Amino acid sequence: MNMHQYYPVDIVNGPGTRCTLFVSGCVHECPGCYNKSTWRLNSGVAFTREMEDRIISDLNDTRIHRQGLSLSGGDPLHPQNVADILKLVRRVRAECPGKDIWMWTGYKLDELTDAQHEVVELINVLVDGKFVQDLKDPALIWRGSGNQVVHYLR
């Protein structure tokens, strides 16, 4: 998996102060997407064990309380990202008690594969659906267009 950006302290992508990871690769290629540079799977840089360790360390850093981890992109549920995202999410669950996990994907909840569901079963909130330029609404919270749904899973 490749990644585009990691923010160890973020107050924009989900509630509270968070760690946010933007991954590479998106098959949806939504017109009007604000993260077009993340569409190609080979864009960005390799997501390494060191980066995974840093995310876990940052989530557990008591100097700056983080509510949780946000995963966006690109698309964390792109088929080629699922294995690495699953590994990361499992580590957060095991090593960062009390932290929530939010994820944004262009896939709809009811069209996920078994492998994608395995990831979603471990997260707290899924924002699903492609961004639709004609339904763009800046007043929406945590999503860009009216067709997208915020699923509070646990």
Protein backbone atom coordinates (compact mmCIF):
# COMPACT_ATOMS: atom_id res chain seq x y z
CA MET A 1 0.00 0.00 0.00
CA ASN A 2 1.11 3.53 -0.67
CA MET A 3 0.20 6.62 1.30
CA HIS A 4 -0.02 10.28 0.42
CA GLN A 5 -0.11 12.08 3.72
CA TYR A 6 -0.11 11.45 7.44
CA TYR A 7 -1.22 14.05 9.95
CA PRO A 8 -0.23 13.13 13.51
CA VAL A 9 -2.46 15.90 14.88
CA ASP A 10 -5.64 16.66 12.93
CA ILE A 11 -8.87 18.39 13.94
CA VAL A 12 -10.62 18.36 10.54
CA ASN A 13 -11.16 14.72 9.56
CA GLY A 14 -13.48 13.45 12.28
CA PRO A 15 -14.37 14.53 15.80
CA GLY A 16 -11.78 15.64 18.32
CA THR A 17 -8.04 15.58 17.81
CA ARG A 18 -7.01 12.63 15.64
CA CYS A 19 -4.31 10.98 13.62
CA THR A 20 -5.24 10.94 9.92
CA LEU A 21 -3.82 8.78 7.14
CA PHE A 22 -4.50 9.41 3.45
CA VAL A 23 -3.76 6.33 1.32
CA SER A 24 -3.21 5.99 -2.44
CA GLY A 25 -5.54 4.29 -4.89
CA CYS A 26 -9.13 4.99 -5.84
CA VAL A 27 -11.21 3.36 -8.57
CA HIS A 28 -14.12 5.80 -8.19
CA GLU A 29 -12.41 8.91 -9.63
CA CYS A 30 -15.32 11.17 -8.66
CA PRO A 31 -15.58 14.41 -10.66
CA GLY A 32 -14.88 17.29 -8.28
CA CYS A 33 -12.82 15.16 -5.88
CA TYR A 34 -10.54 17.33 -3.76
CA ASN A 35 -7.93 14.56 -3.47
CA LYS A 36 -7.40 13.67 -7.12
CA SER A 37 -3.65 13.26 -6.57
CA THR A 38 -4.36 10.11 -4.50
CA TRP A 39 -6.18 8.17 -7.25
CA ARG A 40 -3.20 6.23 -8.65
CA LEU A 41 -2.13 3.20 -6.60
CA ASN A 42 1.54 3.89 -7.26
CA SER A 43 1.38 7.55 -6.20
CA GLY A 44 2.71 8.77 -2.88
CA VAL A 45 5.22 6.73 -0.88
CA ALA A 46 5.27 3.20 0.51
CA PHE A 47 3.38 2.63 3.75
CA THR A 48 5.99 0.99 5.96
CA ARG A 49 6.08 -0.84 9.28
CA GLU A 50 7.84 2.25 10.66
CA MET A 51 4.88 4.44 9.66
CA GLU A 52 2.47 1.93 11.17
CA ASP A 53 4.50 1.99 14.40
CA ARG A 54 4.48 5.80 14.38
CA ILE A 55 0.67 5.90 14.08
CA ILE A 56 0.33 3.53 17.06
CA SER A 57 2.83 5.60 19.06
CA ASP A 58 1.06 8.87 18.20
CA LEU A 59 -2.33 7.45 19.17
CA ASN A 60 -0.89 6.43 22.55
CA ASP A 61 1.02 9.69 23.14
CA THR A 62 -0.32 11.14 26.40
CA ARG A 63 1.09 14.63 25.71
CA ILE A 64 -1.56 15.22 23.01
CA HIS A 65 -4.76 13.25 23.55
CA ARG A 66 -6.10 11.82 20.31
CA GLN A 67 -9.66 10.52 20.09
CA GLY A 68 -8.76 8.14 17.31
CA LEU A 69 -7.62 7.41 13.78
CA SER A 70 -9.15 8.64 10.52
CA LEU A 71 -8.53 6.73 7.28
CA SER A 72 -9.15 8.41 3.93
CA GLY A 73 -7.52 8.70 0.56
CA GLY A 74 -7.71 7.65 -2.20
CA ASP A 75 -9.79 4.83 -0.79
CA PRO A 76 -8.73 2.73 2.20
CA LEU A 77 -11.04 -0.04 0.94
CA HIS A 78 -9.46 -0.21 -2.51
CA PRO A 79 -8.89 -3.97 -3.01
CA GLN A 80 -5.11 -3.52 -3.03
CA ASN A 81 -5.21 -1.55 0.25
CA VAL A 82 -7.47 -3.84 2.25
CA ALA A 83 -4.80 -6.19 3.64
CA ASP A 84 -2.60 -3.37 4.97
CA ILE A 85 -5.58 -1.40 6.29
CA LEU A 86 -6.87 -4.52 8.06
CA LYS A 87 -3.48 -5.05 9.69
CA LEU A 88 -3.36 -1.40 10.84
CA VAL A 89 -6.92 -1.45 12.16
CA ARG A 90 -6.26 -4.68 14.08
CA ARG A 91 -3.20 -3.10 15.69
CA VAL A 92 -5.12 0.02 16.68
CA ARG A 93 -7.82 -2.17 18.26
CA ALA A 94 -5.22 -4.26 20.13
CA GLU A 95 -2.73 -1.57 21.14
CA CYS A 96 -4.73 1.66 21.45
CA PRO A 97 -7.61 1.02 23.85
CA GLY A 98 -10.44 3.53 23.72
CA LYS A 99 -9.47 5.02 20.35
CA ASP A 100 -12.12 5.18 17.64
CA ILE A 101 -11.57 4.59 13.93
CA TRP A 102 -13.32 6.57 11.20
CA MET A 103 -13.08 5.66 7.51
CA TRP A 104 -14.14 7.30 4.24
CA THR A 105 -14.78 5.18 1.15
CA GLY A 106 -16.44 5.57 -2.23
CA TYR A 107 -17.92 2.09 -1.89
CA LYS A 108 -21.42 1.71 -0.45
CA LEU A 109 -21.80 -0.41 2.67
CA ASP A 110 -24.12 -2.86 0.91
CA GLU A 111 -21.65 -3.50 -1.95
CA LEU A 112 -18.55 -4.38 0.08
CA THR A 113 -16.67 -7.62 -0.47
CA ASP A 114 -16.05 -10.06 2.38
CA ALA A 115 -12.49 -8.73 2.77
CA GLN A 116 -13.74 -5.12 2.95
CA HIS A 117 -16.39 -6.16 5.50
CA GLU A 118 -13.65 -7.67 7.65
CA VAL A 119 -12.14 -4.19 7.96
CA VAL A 120 -15.46 -2.43 8.49
CA GLU A 121 -16.38 -4.81 11.33
CA LEU A 122 -13.46 -3.32 13.30
CA ILE A 123 -14.12 0.39 12.78
CA ASN A 124 -16.50 2.76 14.55
CA VAL A 125 -17.73 5.00 11.76
CA LEU A 126 -17.89 4.52 7.99
CA VAL A 127 -18.68 7.39 5.64
CA ASP A 128 -19.66 5.69 2.40
CA GLY A 129 -20.58 6.61 -1.15
CA LYS A 130 -18.98 8.39 -4.04
CA PHE A 131 -18.68 12.17 -3.96
CA VAL A 132 -21.30 13.62 -6.32
CA GLN A 133 -20.49 17.17 -7.44
CA ASP A 134 -24.17 18.04 -8.11
CA LEU A 135 -25.02 17.05 -4.51
CA LYS A 136 -22.12 18.95 -2.93
CA ASP A 137 -23.20 20.66 0.27
CA PRO A 138 -20.67 22.52 2.45
CA ALA A 139 -23.15 22.47 5.35
CA LEU A 140 -22.90 18.68 5.69
CA ILE A 141 -20.84 17.32 8.55
CA TRP A 142 -18.13 14.71 7.79
CA ARG A 143 -19.17 14.28 4.15
CA GLY A 144 -19.05 16.29 0.95
CA SER A 145 -22.25 15.40 -0.90
CA GLY A 146 -25.81 14.58 0.12
CA ASN A 147 -25.74 11.01 -1.16
CA GLN A 148 -22.96 9.99 1.22
CA VAL A 149 -24.01 8.33 4.48
CA VAL A 150 -22.34 8.44 7.90
CA HIS A 151 -22.77 4.97 9.44
CA TYR A 152 -22.20 4.90 13.21
CA LEU A 153 -21.35 1.22 13.53
CA ARG A 154 -20.26 0.88 17.17
